[in-house]
Amino acid sequence: MKLTVLGATGGVGSEVVKQALAAGHHVTAVVRDPSRLDVQGELLEVVVAELSEHGALTEAVSGRDVVISALGTRDRNPTTVITDGAHATLAAMRSAGNRRLLLVSASGAFVDGDTFFTRNFVKPILGKFLRHAFADMIAAERIVRASDLDWTIVRPPRLLNGPHTGAIAARTDGNVRGSYSINRADVADYLLRAASDDSLIHRTASIARA
């Protein structure tokens, strides 16, 4: 499989690159600062580009089987990083004739399937601290859903830096109940498996530690 990873120097993105290379996939990592990418491999191509560089992004996704957007920010100020990324990615994919897109979002921004306590007490508190990041994710999801691409949206909860465990619970009808975190390495595992799972096209999958 040939794939392009946006946000390849982030926690989830770098794990996707590592696991994809280990599995023998051809990976194009789109980065702003190549010095932050601590991954090497014969099947790795690094493209240095800004989201605003349509030509470079189009070339980076051209001929790839799947594009994975793992963009994100740790800034609690107003942000449009993921929304801008969605616009830029969709434009590049349309120009290149690509179809398959996976977008990493977050289950914390949504209450579908949550318990009464989580929905009415936990999420409102969480939303106060992360309201700008959540607003960005919600807007990005809307953009992707409105597209004509073969998209899948993946919503993990709180991200941790633990090892790859393979213990992943997933739901497409709401958030996973009773589990509120997942290792970034396991998110990457799920993304790579979802990339070739046609049953997840036009679906939103919430995942968490099993």
Protein backbone atom coordinates (compact mmCIF):
# COMPACT_ATOMS: atom_id res chain seq x y z
CA MET A 1 0.00 0.00 0.00
CA LYS A 2 1.15 3.52 -0.76
CA LEU A 3 0.04 6.13 1.74
CA THR A 4 0.56 9.78 2.54
CA VAL A 5 0.59 10.96 6.15
CA LEU A 6 -0.17 14.56 7.08
CA GLY A 7 0.97 15.54 10.57
CA ALA A 8 3.72 12.95 10.33
CA THR A 9 5.81 14.49 13.12
CA GLY A 10 2.95 14.42 15.63
CA GLY A 11 2.34 11.69 18.17
CA VAL A 12 -0.15 9.68 16.12
CA GLY A 13 1.31 10.57 12.73
CA SER A 14 4.82 9.42 13.62
CA GLU A 15 3.43 6.12 14.90
CA VAL A 16 1.54 5.64 11.64
CA VAL A 17 4.76 6.21 9.69
CA LYS A 18 6.74 3.77 11.84
CA GLN A 19 4.16 0.99 11.73
CA ALA A 20 3.46 1.44 8.03
CA LEU A 21 7.14 1.17 7.16
CA ALA A 22 7.52 -1.88 9.40
CA ALA A 23 4.63 -3.50 7.51
CA GLY A 24 6.32 -2.84 4.17
CA HIS A 25 4.15 0.04 2.97
CA HIS A 26 5.45 2.96 0.93
CA VAL A 27 5.03 6.11 3.03
CA THR A 28 5.09 9.76 2.05
CA ALA A 29 5.42 11.91 5.17
CA VAL A 30 4.35 15.53 4.74
CA VAL A 31 6.09 17.73 7.30
CA ARG A 32 6.91 21.36 7.95
CA ASP A 33 10.14 20.63 9.83
CA PRO A 34 11.94 17.45 8.68
CA SER A 35 14.30 17.59 11.68
CA ARG A 36 11.35 16.58 13.89
CA LEU A 37 10.78 13.34 11.99
CA ASP A 38 12.85 10.70 13.78
CA VAL A 39 11.95 7.89 11.38
CA GLN A 40 14.01 6.45 8.55
CA GLY A 41 13.45 3.77 5.97
CA GLU A 42 14.02 2.86 2.34
CA LEU A 43 10.28 3.08 1.68
CA LEU A 44 9.97 6.54 3.24
CA GLU A 45 9.68 9.75 1.24
CA VAL A 46 9.70 13.04 3.12
CA VAL A 47 7.93 16.05 1.58
CA VAL A 48 8.48 19.44 3.20
CA ALA A 49 5.39 21.55 2.58
CA GLU A 50 2.96 23.97 4.16
CA LEU A 51 -0.78 23.33 3.99
CA SER A 52 -1.07 26.36 1.73
CA GLU A 53 1.21 24.83 -0.92
CA HIS A 54 -1.38 23.21 -3.15
CA GLY A 55 1.08 22.03 -5.77
CA ALA A 56 3.36 20.30 -3.28
CA LEU A 57 0.45 18.66 -1.47
CA THR A 58 -1.08 17.46 -4.73
CA GLU A 59 2.21 15.85 -5.70
CA ALA A 60 2.52 14.29 -2.25
CA VAL A 61 -0.85 12.54 -2.52
CA SER A 62 -0.76 11.72 -6.22
CA GLY A 63 -0.74 7.99 -6.94
CA ARG A 64 -1.24 7.04 -3.28
CA ASP A 65 -3.82 4.51 -2.14
CA VAL A 66 -4.80 6.38 1.00
CA VAL A 67 -4.22 9.72 2.71
CA ILE A 68 -4.17 9.85 6.51
CA SER A 69 -4.60 13.24 8.16
CA ALA A 70 -3.26 13.14 11.71
CA LEU A 71 -2.98 16.90 12.09
CA GLY A 72 -3.52 18.39 15.51
CA THR A 73 -2.48 21.05 17.97
CA ARG A 74 -1.81 21.28 21.69
CA ASP A 75 -2.60 24.98 21.75
CA ARG A 76 -5.70 25.88 23.77
CA ASN A 77 -6.13 29.14 21.88
CA PRO A 78 -8.49 29.47 18.89
CA THR A 79 -7.17 27.34 16.05
CA THR A 80 -8.09 26.18 12.56
CA VAL A 81 -5.21 23.78 12.00
CA ILE A 82 -7.37 20.71 11.38
CA THR A 83 -9.98 22.65 9.41
CA ASP A 84 -7.32 24.22 7.21
CA GLY A 85 -5.78 20.80 6.79
CA ALA A 86 -9.11 19.34 5.70
CA HIS A 87 -9.63 22.05 3.09
CA ALA A 88 -6.08 21.68 1.76
CA THR A 89 -6.16 17.89 1.76
CA LEU A 90 -9.49 17.66 -0.06
CA ALA A 91 -8.33 20.15 -2.69
CA ALA A 92 -5.09 18.24 -3.25
CA MET A 93 -6.83 14.88 -3.41
CA ARG A 94 -9.36 16.13 -5.93
CA SER A 95 -6.57 17.51 -8.11
CA ALA A 96 -4.67 14.23 -7.88
CA GLY A 97 -7.74 12.03 -8.36
CA ASN A 98 -7.43 10.32 -4.97
CA ARG A 99 -10.43 8.78 -3.17
CA ARG A 100 -9.50 7.27 0.23
CA LEU A 101 -9.09 9.61 3.21
CA LEU A 102 -8.81 8.93 6.92
CA LEU A 103 -9.21 11.85 9.32
CA VAL A 104 -8.16 11.68 12.98
CA SER A 105 -10.61 13.58 15.18
CA ALA A 106 -11.43 13.08 18.89
CA SER A 107 -14.28 11.40 20.76
CA GLY A 108 -14.14 14.09 23.45
CA ALA A 109 -15.81 16.56 21.11
CA PHE A 110 -18.91 14.38 20.75
CA VAL A 111 -21.41 12.72 23.08
CA ASP A 112 -22.95 10.08 20.80
CA GLY A 113 -23.29 6.87 22.79
CA ASP A 114 -21.92 8.32 26.03
CA THR A 115 -23.35 7.45 29.42
CA PHE A 116 -25.54 9.98 31.20
CA PHE A 117 -22.72 10.93 33.59
CA THR A 118 -20.14 11.35 30.84
CA ARG A 119 -22.49 13.32 28.62
CA ASN A 120 -23.78 15.68 31.30
CA PHE A 121 -20.85 16.08 33.67
CA VAL A 122 -17.52 14.96 32.19
CA LYS A 123 -17.86 16.33 28.66
CA PRO A 124 -19.04 19.84 29.67
CA ILE A 125 -15.97 20.23 31.90
CA LEU A 126 -13.67 18.82 29.23
CA GLY A 127 -15.23 21.09 26.65
CA LYS A 128 -14.38 24.20 28.66
CA PHE A 129 -10.66 23.40 28.53
CA LEU A 130 -10.54 22.14 24.95
CA ARG A 131 -13.37 24.08 23.34
CA HIS A 132 -11.20 25.65 20.61
CA ALA A 133 -9.57 22.38 19.59
CA PHE A 134 -12.95 20.63 19.65
CA ALA A 135 -14.54 23.37 17.53
CA ASP A 136 -11.75 22.90 14.99
CA MET A 137 -12.33 19.14 14.88
CA ILE A 138 -16.10 19.50 14.52
CA ALA A 139 -15.66 21.91 11.62
CA ALA A 140 -13.11 19.63 9.94
CA GLU A 141 -15.45 16.65 10.24
CA ARG A 142 -18.25 18.61 8.57
CA ILE A 143 -15.98 19.48 5.66
CA VAL A 144 -14.88 15.89 5.18
CA ARG A 145 -18.41 14.49 5.48
CA ALA A 146 -19.63 16.90 2.81
CA SER A 147 -16.97 15.73 0.36
CA ASP A 148 -17.41 13.13 -2.35
CA LEU A 149 -14.35 11.16 -1.21
CA ASP A 150 -14.24 7.71 0.40
CA TRP A 151 -13.65 9.06 3.88
CA THR A 152 -13.42 7.49 7.32
CA ILE A 153 -13.30 9.56 10.50
CA VAL A 154 -11.55 8.03 13.51
CA ARG A 155 -12.25 9.44 16.99
CA PRO A 156 -9.88 8.39 19.78
CA PRO A 157 -10.21 9.64 23.38
CA ARG A 158 -7.30 10.86 25.54
CA LEU A 159 -4.02 9.93 23.86
CA LEU A 160 -1.18 8.27 25.76
CA ASN A 161 2.40 7.41 24.85
CA GLY A 162 2.33 3.76 25.88
CA PRO A 163 3.40 0.80 23.72
CA HIS A 164 1.41 -0.84 20.98
CA THR A 165 -0.94 -3.33 22.65
CA GLY A 166 -3.46 -4.20 19.95
CA ALA A 167 -6.21 -4.01 22.59
CA ILE A 168 -8.61 -1.72 20.76
CA ALA A 169 -12.35 -1.35 21.19
CA ALA A 170 -14.27 0.32 18.35
CA ARG A 171 -17.84 1.48 17.69
CA THR A 172 -19.40 3.08 14.63
CA ASP A 173 -22.64 3.95 16.41
CA GLY A 174 -21.24 6.11 19.21
CA ASN A 175 -18.34 6.52 21.59
CA VAL A 176 -16.81 3.50 23.33
CA ARG A 177 -18.23 3.32 26.86
CA GLY A 178 -16.16 2.76 29.97
CA SER A 179 -12.79 3.46 28.34
CA TYR A 180 -11.38 6.96 28.18
CA SER A 181 -7.86 6.65 26.78
CA ILE A 182 -5.79 4.85 24.17
CA ASN A 183 -2.11 4.66 23.27
CA ARG A 184 -1.08 6.57 20.18
CA ALA A 185 0.55 3.41 18.84
CA ASP A 186 -2.83 1.65 18.97
CA VAL A 187 -4.51 4.52 17.16
CA ALA A 188 -1.94 4.10 14.40
CA ASP A 189 -2.64 0.36 14.31
CA TYR A 190 -6.36 1.00 13.85
CA LEU A 191 -5.79 3.63 11.16
CA LEU A 192 -3.66 1.30 9.08
CA ARG A 193 -6.22 -1.49 9.33
CA ALA A 194 -9.09 0.90 8.59
CA ALA A 195 -7.30 2.15 5.48
CA SER A 196 -8.04 -1.11 3.68
CA ASP A 197 -11.44 -1.78 5.26
CA ASP A 198 -14.12 -0.79 2.77
CA SER A 199 -16.86 -1.37 5.36
CA LEU A 200 -15.64 1.79 7.11
CA ILE A 201 -16.05 4.04 4.09
CA HIS A 202 -18.39 6.93 4.98
CA ARG A 203 -18.38 5.80 8.60
CA THR A 204 -17.17 7.35 11.85
CA ALA A 205 -15.36 4.99 14.21
CA SER A 206 -14.82 5.85 17.87
CA ILE A 207 -12.00 3.85 19.40
CA ALA A 208 -10.55 3.37 22.89
CA ARG A 209 -8.47 0.95 24.89
CA ALA A 210 -10.23 -2.41 25.19
